[in-house]
Structure formats: structure tokens, C-alpha cells
Amino acid sequence: MSADPTTTSTKVRLRFAKCGDLRLVSHHDLMRTLERTLRRANLPVARSQGFNPRPKVVFALALGLGIEGRREVVDLELTEPLDPVDVLTRLAAVAPPGLEFLEAQVAPPGRAPRPLTVWYALEVPEPRREAARAATATLLTDASRPHTRHRRDRADSQIDLRPFVLDAGLDPDGVLRFRLNVGQDGSARPEEVLDTLDLRDLLDTGTILARTEIELAPTP
């Protein structure tokens, strides 16, 4: 929900999209892109103390390389109160291609955004939709789904994907949508879910995986 235009705050929560060629930049490079955009927008962003002060910017959740973000979340701390709508307008005027600011609202003081669940979407080609529906139904009825997690810098490990998958299914247009639990104990990676559904190869042929929503914990 957008902010009340009469409200001012020193902490603003933004919803934004990261798409197009910008999906191919890392989270670190996204942070640098946002910092440049904040400077161009001439926003009074607070900075940390110490030898290398950084803007006080907190993302709800990092986004994997190559994945589009449709409604990502970031909090900005300001040195003076501003109307969140003004913040949104300034950023939208100077944002680079692929970075779209969607909504702004007052953020709760002293609390970083805490994600609870995330939604992903992937378009499945028509010839593979029947098999994808069957694989998704089987996953949801399974009590567990063992998976080998591969890491470059560590030995392989075994995890159970099933507790992390809260919902999954193909919509009438053949788009696979699945919802993952995100907790203190971690989460399944979206690519791992696609792997267990025998759909991961679609990412290698140009199909774009998108994170369509981040659901946050309610403010206490």
C-alpha cells in the first residue's frame, strides 16, 4: 500500500522491481547501483559511522543472479523527515533501466524488514505442462523430498526441500507459481525446487525465473 501523502518519516520502506538486463547483476552490484541512484535523487540518506561509512540501506532479502524481482523490499534511513511519496518520485525520476520503484511507505522504526515467505514464477512451455503439473502434485503430497545441495566451497550436503515448499501449482496460462518458507533456519533455493520438478533446464534456455512477492512479518 502506498504512503499517505501527508505523512513524513525518517525511515522509508520501498517496493521496487529489478528486471531486464539488471537481473544479471549481483546483489553487491545492485547495492552500488542503488547508492548511485540515491545520490542522483539528492536524498538525505543517513550513513553509518566508522572508517568506511555506508548508506543506511537494508534489503529484506538478497536476490540470486539472473532472477527478476517484481516486488523487492528495501528500507532507507534518512537524516531528515520526508514524505515517502516524495522519496518515490525522486527515485523514479533518476532510476536506471531495469530498476523501477513501485511503492513507498513509512517504515517501522528500529526494525529491519523480516521476510516470512516468498513467491516465484516460471513460465512452462506447453509440451511440458502436463508433466510439470504431475510433478508438482507429487511434491505436495510427499512427506519429504531429499535433495543434494551442491556448493562450490563446501562438501555436498543433504536437505529436505518439502518443509520449505508451502504451495505450488501451474495457473491456467502455464505459469508455475510456488511459495517458499523463509525462516531463521534458511530456505530452499528456487533453483532446487525447479530441479526436483525436472524444470531447471528451462533456465539454461532463456526462460526467466521471477520472484514475484516477498511477504514480510507483521509489525509488532
Foldseek 3Di string as FASTA:
>chain_A
DAADQVDKDQKKKWWKKFDDPSLQDFQVVVQVLVVVLCVQLVFQFDWDDDDDIDGPKAWQDTDDRQAIEATTMMMTGGPDIDRQVSVQVSSQVRHDPRMHIDHMYGDDPPDGWHFFKWKKKWADDPVCLVLLQVLQVVLQPDPWDWDWDDDDVDDIDIDTQNVFWPDWHADPRRMIMTMGGQDPVGTDDPLRVCVSSVRNCVVVVPIHMYTYDTHTDDDD
